[in-house]
Amino acid sequence: MVISTTNARWFQLFRYQDGYLVNERGKVVDVSGGRDMENQNIHMWNKHGGENQQWDIWYADELPPELKKGDLNKDWGFRIDTDFHIESKMASKRYIDFLSNNAVLKTPNGRKTQLFYFDNITKTIRCRDNKYSFNIQSSGRG
């Protein structure tokens, strides 16, 4: 699918019906391959009912206000850009710490490598010391 100037031909006419963007030929807007990935192509396809074809419409004047530092992001459960430690529930109550590029369990020691914050733009937990984010090894396969 591409974006271009408007000429109101059949291939530019869409209806919003029951959560689908449907064109005049009955095709729906579809995320290619059903892959929920950044920069994944959008195209037209026969309706099959998958989540990759269903959409919500949010009108700009109805959007909630932007969250700012200290506000709670209820979807993610963190206060934005507010420092926190991640403490184990085990008896030692040790913190997650970064040693080189590895997350390890350490006694609280005041180092910034034990201090984290939630970045609301990237939706990641970041280390206050080096701004690195939590990451599962091998692009999530580790």
N, C-alpha and C. Protein backbone atom coordinates (compact mmCIF):
# COMPACT_ATOMS: atom_id res chain seq x y z
N MET A 1 0.85 -1.16 0.00
CA MET A 1 0.00 0.00 0.00
C MET A 1 0.90 1.23 0.00
N VAL A 2 0.49 2.26 -0.69
CA VAL A 2 1.28 3.49 -0.78
C VAL A 2 0.40 4.68 -0.40
N ILE A 3 1.04 5.79 -0.15
CA ILE A 3 0.35 7.05 0.12
C ILE A 3 0.60 7.95 -1.08
N SER A 4 -0.46 8.58 -1.61
CA SER A 4 -0.30 9.46 -2.78
C SER A 4 -1.35 10.56 -2.75
N THR A 5 -1.32 11.43 -3.75
CA THR A 5 -2.30 12.50 -3.84
C THR A 5 -3.69 11.90 -4.04
N THR A 6 -4.70 12.67 -3.68
CA THR A 6 -6.08 12.18 -3.72
C THR A 6 -6.71 12.43 -5.08
N ASN A 7 -7.34 11.36 -5.60
CA ASN A 7 -8.14 11.51 -6.81
C ASN A 7 -9.51 10.85 -6.64
N ALA A 8 -9.79 10.31 -5.45
CA ALA A 8 -11.08 9.71 -5.09
C ALA A 8 -11.52 8.61 -6.03
N ARG A 9 -10.56 7.86 -6.55
CA ARG A 9 -10.91 6.69 -7.36
C ARG A 9 -11.22 5.53 -6.43
N TRP A 10 -11.76 4.45 -6.96
CA TRP A 10 -12.21 3.32 -6.14
C TRP A 10 -11.11 2.78 -5.23
N PHE A 11 -9.86 2.87 -5.67
CA PHE A 11 -8.77 2.31 -4.88
C PHE A 11 -8.33 3.23 -3.74
N GLN A 12 -8.99 4.38 -3.60
CA GLN A 12 -8.73 5.26 -2.47
C GLN A 12 -9.93 5.37 -1.53
N LEU A 13 -10.99 4.66 -1.80
CA LEU A 13 -12.20 4.76 -1.00
C LEU A 13 -12.28 3.61 0.00
N PHE A 14 -12.40 3.94 1.27
CA PHE A 14 -12.45 2.95 2.35
C PHE A 14 -13.62 3.23 3.28
N ARG A 15 -14.14 2.18 3.83
CA ARG A 15 -15.16 2.26 4.88
C ARG A 15 -14.57 1.61 6.14
N TYR A 16 -15.02 2.10 7.30
CA TYR A 16 -14.67 1.46 8.56
C TYR A 16 -15.88 0.65 9.00
N GLN A 17 -15.75 -0.68 8.94
CA GLN A 17 -16.87 -1.57 9.26
C GLN A 17 -16.42 -2.64 10.24
N ASP A 18 -17.02 -2.63 11.42
CA ASP A 18 -16.77 -3.68 12.43
C ASP A 18 -15.28 -3.91 12.71
N GLY A 19 -14.51 -2.83 12.74
CA GLY A 19 -13.09 -2.94 13.06
C GLY A 19 -12.18 -3.18 11.86
N TYR A 20 -12.73 -3.18 10.65
CA TYR A 20 -11.94 -3.40 9.43
C TYR A 20 -11.99 -2.15 8.56
N LEU A 21 -10.87 -1.85 7.88
CA LEU A 21 -10.84 -0.82 6.84
C LEU A 21 -11.03 -1.54 5.52
N VAL A 22 -12.17 -1.34 4.90
CA VAL A 22 -12.58 -2.11 3.72
C VAL A 22 -12.62 -1.20 2.51
N ASN A 23 -12.03 -1.65 1.38
CA ASN A 23 -12.10 -0.83 0.17
C ASN A 23 -13.32 -1.21 -0.66
N GLU A 24 -13.51 -0.53 -1.76
CA GLU A 24 -14.69 -0.72 -2.60
C GLU A 24 -14.75 -2.10 -3.25
N ARG A 25 -13.66 -2.81 -3.29
CA ARG A 25 -13.64 -4.17 -3.87
C ARG A 25 -13.73 -5.26 -2.81
N GLY A 26 -13.94 -4.86 -1.54
CA GLY A 26 -14.11 -5.84 -0.48
C GLY A 26 -12.82 -6.33 0.15
N LYS A 27 -11.68 -5.78 -0.27
CA LYS A 27 -10.40 -6.14 0.36
C LYS A 27 -10.24 -5.31 1.63
N VAL A 28 -9.43 -5.81 2.56
CA VAL A 28 -9.20 -5.10 3.82
C VAL A 28 -7.73 -4.76 3.99
N VAL A 29 -7.47 -3.74 4.80
CA VAL A 29 -6.10 -3.34 5.12
C VAL A 29 -5.52 -4.42 6.03
N ASP A 30 -4.32 -4.92 5.68
CA ASP A 30 -3.73 -6.11 6.30
C ASP A 30 -2.26 -5.85 6.58
N VAL A 31 -1.78 -6.32 7.74
CA VAL A 31 -0.35 -6.28 8.04
C VAL A 31 0.28 -7.50 7.39
N SER A 32 1.22 -7.28 6.52
CA SER A 32 1.83 -8.35 5.72
C SER A 32 2.36 -9.48 6.60
N GLY A 33 1.95 -10.70 6.27
CA GLY A 33 2.42 -11.89 6.97
C GLY A 33 1.94 -12.02 8.40
N GLY A 34 1.10 -11.07 8.86
CA GLY A 34 0.62 -11.11 10.24
C GLY A 34 1.72 -10.87 11.26
N ARG A 35 2.84 -10.28 10.83
CA ARG A 35 3.99 -10.07 11.72
C ARG A 35 3.90 -8.70 12.39
N ASP A 36 3.82 -8.68 13.69
CA ASP A 36 3.73 -7.45 14.47
C ASP A 36 5.14 -6.92 14.71
N MET A 37 5.73 -6.32 13.66
CA MET A 37 7.11 -5.83 13.71
C MET A 37 7.17 -4.40 13.20
N GLU A 38 8.11 -3.63 13.73
CA GLU A 38 8.35 -2.27 13.25
C GLU A 38 8.67 -2.31 11.75
N ASN A 39 8.11 -1.38 11.00
CA ASN A 39 8.33 -1.22 9.55
C ASN A 39 7.77 -2.37 8.71
N GLN A 40 6.87 -3.17 9.28
CA GLN A 40 6.24 -4.25 8.50
C GLN A 40 5.30 -3.62 7.47
N ASN A 41 5.30 -4.14 6.25
CA ASN A 41 4.46 -3.59 5.19
C ASN A 41 2.98 -3.78 5.47
N ILE A 42 2.20 -2.82 5.00
CA ILE A 42 0.74 -2.85 5.05
C ILE A 42 0.26 -3.00 3.62
N HIS A 43 -0.72 -3.89 3.40
CA HIS A 43 -1.24 -4.07 2.05
C HIS A 43 -2.72 -4.42 2.11
N MET A 44 -3.32 -4.66 0.98
CA MET A 44 -4.73 -5.05 0.90
C MET A 44 -4.78 -6.57 0.71
N TRP A 45 -5.77 -7.21 1.36
CA TRP A 45 -5.86 -8.66 1.28
C TRP A 45 -7.32 -9.07 1.48
N ASN A 46 -7.62 -10.31 1.13
CA ASN A 46 -8.95 -10.85 1.40
C ASN A 46 -9.16 -10.95 2.90
N LYS A 47 -10.37 -10.64 3.34
CA LYS A 47 -10.68 -10.68 4.77
C LYS A 47 -10.65 -12.11 5.29
N HIS A 48 -9.86 -12.34 6.37
CA HIS A 48 -9.82 -13.65 7.00
C HIS A 48 -10.08 -13.55 8.50
N GLY A 49 -10.19 -12.33 9.03
CA GLY A 49 -10.57 -12.13 10.42
C GLY A 49 -9.44 -12.12 11.42
N GLY A 50 -8.18 -12.22 10.95
CA GLY A 50 -7.04 -12.20 11.86
C GLY A 50 -6.85 -10.83 12.50
N GLU A 51 -6.13 -10.80 13.63
CA GLU A 51 -5.84 -9.54 14.29
C GLU A 51 -5.05 -8.59 13.40
N ASN A 52 -4.29 -9.14 12.46
CA ASN A 52 -3.49 -8.30 11.57
C ASN A 52 -4.37 -7.54 10.57
N GLN A 53 -5.69 -7.74 10.60
CA GLN A 53 -6.60 -7.01 9.73
C GLN A 53 -7.57 -6.12 10.51
N GLN A 54 -7.46 -6.11 11.83
CA GLN A 54 -8.41 -5.38 12.66
C GLN A 54 -7.76 -4.12 13.21
N TRP A 55 -8.53 -3.04 13.23
CA TRP A 55 -8.00 -1.72 13.57
C TRP A 55 -8.95 -0.98 14.50
N ASP A 56 -8.40 -0.11 15.32
CA ASP A 56 -9.19 0.85 16.10
C ASP A 56 -8.94 2.22 15.50
N ILE A 57 -9.93 3.06 15.56
CA ILE A 57 -9.81 4.45 15.10
C ILE A 57 -9.79 5.34 16.34
N TRP A 58 -8.77 6.18 16.45
CA TRP A 58 -8.64 7.14 17.55
C TRP A 58 -8.62 8.54 16.97
N TYR A 59 -9.65 9.31 17.23
CA TYR A 59 -9.69 10.70 16.78
C TYR A 59 -8.80 11.54 17.68
N ALA A 60 -8.00 12.42 17.06
CA ALA A 60 -6.99 13.18 17.79
C ALA A 60 -7.58 13.98 18.95
N ASP A 61 -8.79 14.53 18.78
CA ASP A 61 -9.37 15.33 19.86
C ASP A 61 -9.90 14.47 21.01
N GLU A 62 -9.90 13.14 20.85
CA GLU A 62 -10.36 12.24 21.89
C GLU A 62 -9.21 11.49 22.57
N LEU A 63 -7.98 11.72 22.12
CA LEU A 63 -6.83 11.04 22.72
C LEU A 63 -6.59 11.54 24.14
N PRO A 64 -6.18 10.65 25.03
CA PRO A 64 -5.86 11.11 26.39
C PRO A 64 -4.62 12.00 26.34
N PRO A 65 -4.46 12.88 27.33
CA PRO A 65 -3.28 13.75 27.33
C PRO A 65 -2.00 12.94 27.42
N GLU A 66 -0.92 13.49 26.87
CA GLU A 66 0.38 12.83 26.94
C GLU A 66 0.82 12.69 28.39
N LEU A 67 1.34 11.52 28.73
CA LEU A 67 1.87 11.30 30.08
C LEU A 67 3.21 12.00 30.20
N LYS A 68 3.52 12.49 31.39
CA LYS A 68 4.81 13.16 31.62
C LYS A 68 5.54 12.50 32.78
N LYS A 69 6.74 12.97 33.05
CA LYS A 69 7.58 12.38 34.10
C LYS A 69 6.80 12.25 35.40
N GLY A 70 6.88 11.06 36.00
CA GLY A 70 6.22 10.78 37.26
C GLY A 70 4.81 10.24 37.14
N ASP A 71 4.17 10.41 35.96
CA ASP A 71 2.82 9.86 35.75
C ASP A 71 2.90 8.36 35.62
N LEU A 72 1.85 7.67 36.07
CA LEU A 72 1.78 6.22 35.97
C LEU A 72 1.24 5.83 34.60
N ASN A 73 2.01 5.01 33.87
CA ASN A 73 1.51 4.43 32.63
C ASN A 73 0.77 3.15 33.04
N LYS A 74 -0.55 3.20 33.08
CA LYS A 74 -1.35 2.08 33.59
C LYS A 74 -1.23 0.84 32.72
N ASP A 75 -1.00 1.02 31.41
CA ASP A 75 -0.85 -0.14 30.52
C ASP A 75 0.42 -0.92 30.83
N TRP A 76 1.48 -0.24 31.25
CA TRP A 76 2.76 -0.89 31.47
C TRP A 76 3.11 -1.04 32.95
N GLY A 77 2.41 -0.31 33.84
CA GLY A 77 2.60 -0.48 35.28
C GLY A 77 3.78 0.24 35.88
N PHE A 78 4.33 1.22 35.18
CA PHE A 78 5.49 1.97 35.68
C PHE A 78 5.18 3.45 35.70
N ARG A 79 5.83 4.17 36.64
CA ARG A 79 5.81 5.63 36.59
C ARG A 79 6.90 6.07 35.62
N ILE A 80 6.59 7.04 34.82
CA ILE A 80 7.47 7.47 33.73
C ILE A 80 8.69 8.22 34.24
N ASP A 81 9.86 7.82 33.72
CA ASP A 81 11.14 8.49 33.98
C ASP A 81 11.38 8.72 35.48
N THR A 82 10.96 7.77 36.30
CA THR A 82 11.13 7.86 37.75
C THR A 82 12.03 6.70 38.20
N ASP A 83 13.08 7.04 38.93
CA ASP A 83 14.06 6.03 39.33
C ASP A 83 13.45 4.95 40.22
N PHE A 84 13.90 3.71 40.01
CA PHE A 84 13.50 2.60 40.87
C PHE A 84 14.58 1.53 40.86
N HIS A 85 14.55 0.68 41.90
CA HIS A 85 15.40 -0.50 41.99
C HIS A 85 14.51 -1.71 41.75
N ILE A 86 15.08 -2.79 41.27
CA ILE A 86 14.35 -4.04 41.10
C ILE A 86 14.90 -5.01 42.12
N GLU A 87 14.08 -5.29 43.15
CA GLU A 87 14.50 -6.08 44.29
C GLU A 87 13.92 -7.49 44.20
N SER A 88 14.77 -8.48 44.45
CA SER A 88 14.36 -9.87 44.46
C SER A 88 13.43 -10.14 45.64
N LYS A 89 12.47 -11.03 45.47
CA LYS A 89 11.60 -11.43 46.58
C LYS A 89 12.24 -12.54 47.41
N MET A 90 13.43 -12.99 47.03
CA MET A 90 14.14 -13.98 47.83
C MET A 90 14.59 -13.35 49.14
N ALA A 91 15.00 -14.16 50.09
CA ALA A 91 15.33 -13.71 51.45
C ALA A 91 16.40 -12.61 51.46
N SER A 92 17.35 -12.65 50.52
CA SER A 92 18.45 -11.68 50.53
C SER A 92 18.02 -10.28 50.13
N LYS A 93 16.90 -10.14 49.41
CA LYS A 93 16.40 -8.84 48.93
C LYS A 93 17.44 -8.11 48.08
N ARG A 94 18.24 -8.86 47.32
CA ARG A 94 19.25 -8.25 46.45
C ARG A 94 18.59 -7.57 45.25
N TYR A 95 19.36 -6.67 44.62
CA TYR A 95 18.89 -5.90 43.47
C TYR A 95 19.43 -6.49 42.17
N ILE A 96 18.73 -6.22 41.08
CA ILE A 96 19.31 -6.47 39.75
C ILE A 96 20.34 -5.37 39.51
N ASP A 97 21.50 -5.78 39.02
CA ASP A 97 22.61 -4.87 38.74
C ASP A 97 23.17 -5.25 37.38
N PHE A 98 23.82 -4.31 36.70
CA PHE A 98 24.49 -4.62 35.44
C PHE A 98 25.98 -4.74 35.68
N LEU A 99 26.55 -5.85 35.25
CA LEU A 99 27.98 -6.09 35.32
C LEU A 99 28.41 -6.37 33.89
N SER A 100 29.18 -5.48 33.30
CA SER A 100 29.47 -5.48 31.86
C SER A 100 28.11 -5.37 31.16
N ASN A 101 27.77 -6.32 30.32
CA ASN A 101 26.46 -6.29 29.65
C ASN A 101 25.51 -7.34 30.20
N ASN A 102 25.82 -7.87 31.38
CA ASN A 102 24.99 -8.92 31.97
C ASN A 102 24.21 -8.40 33.17
N ALA A 103 22.96 -8.85 33.29
CA ALA A 103 22.17 -8.56 34.48
C ALA A 103 22.50 -9.62 35.53
N VAL A 104 22.83 -9.16 36.74
CA VAL A 104 23.21 -10.06 37.82
C VAL A 104 22.51 -9.63 39.11
N LEU A 105 22.51 -10.51 40.09
CA LEU A 105 21.94 -10.22 41.40
C LEU A 105 23.04 -9.70 42.31
N LYS A 106 22.84 -8.53 42.94
CA LYS A 106 23.88 -7.93 43.79
C LYS A 106 23.25 -7.33 45.04
N THR A 107 24.03 -7.28 46.10
CA THR A 107 23.63 -6.59 47.32
C THR A 107 23.47 -5.10 47.00
N PRO A 108 22.45 -4.43 47.52
CA PRO A 108 22.30 -2.99 47.28
C PRO A 108 23.59 -2.25 47.67
N ASN A 109 24.09 -1.43 46.74
CA ASN A 109 25.36 -0.76 47.00
C ASN A 109 25.37 0.70 46.54
N GLY A 110 24.25 1.22 46.07
CA GLY A 110 24.18 2.63 45.70
C GLY A 110 24.70 2.96 44.31
N ARG A 111 25.17 1.95 43.57
CA ARG A 111 25.68 2.21 42.22
C ARG A 111 24.52 2.52 41.26
N LYS A 112 24.80 3.37 40.29
CA LYS A 112 23.76 3.71 39.30
C LYS A 112 23.41 2.54 38.40
N THR A 113 24.24 1.50 38.40
CA THR A 113 23.93 0.32 37.60
C THR A 113 22.80 -0.49 38.23
N GLN A 114 22.37 -0.12 39.43
CA GLN A 114 21.23 -0.75 40.10
C GLN A 114 19.98 0.14 40.04
N LEU A 115 20.11 1.24 39.35
CA LEU A 115 19.03 2.23 39.27
C LEU A 115 18.42 2.20 37.87
N PHE A 116 17.09 2.07 37.81
CA PHE A 116 16.40 1.93 36.53
C PHE A 116 15.28 2.96 36.42
N TYR A 117 14.78 3.15 35.20
CA TYR A 117 13.62 4.00 34.96
C TYR A 117 12.87 3.46 33.75
N PHE A 118 11.60 3.82 33.65
CA PHE A 118 10.77 3.40 32.51
C PHE A 118 10.75 4.52 31.49
N ASP A 119 11.18 4.20 30.26
CA ASP A 119 11.17 5.15 29.15
C ASP A 119 9.83 4.99 28.42
N ASN A 120 8.97 5.98 28.54
CA ASN A 120 7.63 5.89 27.97
C ASN A 120 7.61 5.95 26.45
N ILE A 121 8.65 6.47 25.83
CA ILE A 121 8.70 6.54 24.37
C ILE A 121 8.99 5.15 23.80
N THR A 122 10.03 4.50 24.33
CA THR A 122 10.39 3.18 23.81
C THR A 122 9.67 2.05 24.55
N LYS A 123 9.04 2.37 25.68
CA LYS A 123 8.35 1.38 26.54
C LYS A 123 9.32 0.34 27.07
N THR A 124 10.54 0.77 27.37
CA THR A 124 11.55 -0.15 27.88
C THR A 124 12.02 0.27 29.27
N ILE A 125 12.55 -0.71 30.01
CA ILE A 125 13.21 -0.44 31.29
C ILE A 125 14.66 -0.14 30.97
N ARG A 126 15.12 1.03 31.40
CA ARG A 126 16.47 1.45 31.07
C ARG A 126 17.29 1.65 32.33
N CYS A 127 18.59 1.41 32.20
CA CYS A 127 19.54 1.60 33.29
C CYS A 127 19.92 3.08 33.36
N ARG A 128 19.83 3.67 34.53
CA ARG A 128 20.14 5.10 34.68
C ARG A 128 21.61 5.38 34.38
N ASP A 129 22.49 4.40 34.64
CA ASP A 129 23.93 4.59 34.45
C ASP A 129 24.32 4.75 32.99
N ASN A 130 23.85 3.87 32.12
CA ASN A 130 24.32 3.87 30.74
C ASN A 130 23.19 3.96 29.71
N LYS A 131 21.96 4.09 30.18
CA LYS A 131 20.77 4.21 29.33
C LYS A 131 20.46 2.95 28.52
N TYR A 132 21.17 1.84 28.76
CA TYR A 132 20.86 0.59 28.08
C TYR A 132 19.53 0.04 28.56
N SER A 133 18.84 -0.69 27.70
CA SER A 133 17.54 -1.27 28.03
C SER A 133 17.68 -2.76 28.32
N PHE A 134 16.75 -3.27 29.15
CA PHE A 134 16.66 -4.72 29.32
C PHE A 134 16.45 -5.33 27.95
N ASN A 135 17.10 -6.46 27.72
CA ASN A 135 17.02 -7.08 26.40
C ASN A 135 17.18 -8.59 26.57
N ILE A 136 16.31 -9.35 25.94
CA ILE A 136 16.46 -10.81 25.96
C ILE A 136 17.50 -11.16 24.91
N GLN A 137 18.47 -12.00 25.27
CA GLN A 137 19.54 -12.35 24.35
C GLN A 137 19.02 -12.91 23.03
N SER A 138 19.81 -12.77 21.99
CA SER A 138 19.52 -13.29 20.65
C SER A 138 18.19 -12.75 20.13
N SER A 139 17.95 -11.46 20.31
CA SER A 139 16.73 -10.80 19.83
C SER A 139 15.47 -11.50 20.32
N GLY A 140 15.47 -11.90 21.58
CA GLY A 140 14.29 -12.50 22.18
C GLY A 140 14.26 -14.02 22.12
N ARG A 141 15.26 -14.62 21.52
CA ARG A 141 15.27 -16.09 21.41
C ARG A 141 16.15 -16.73 22.48
N GLY A 142 16.77 -15.93 23.34
CA GLY A 142 17.69 -16.45 24.34
C GLY A 142 17.04 -16.82 25.64
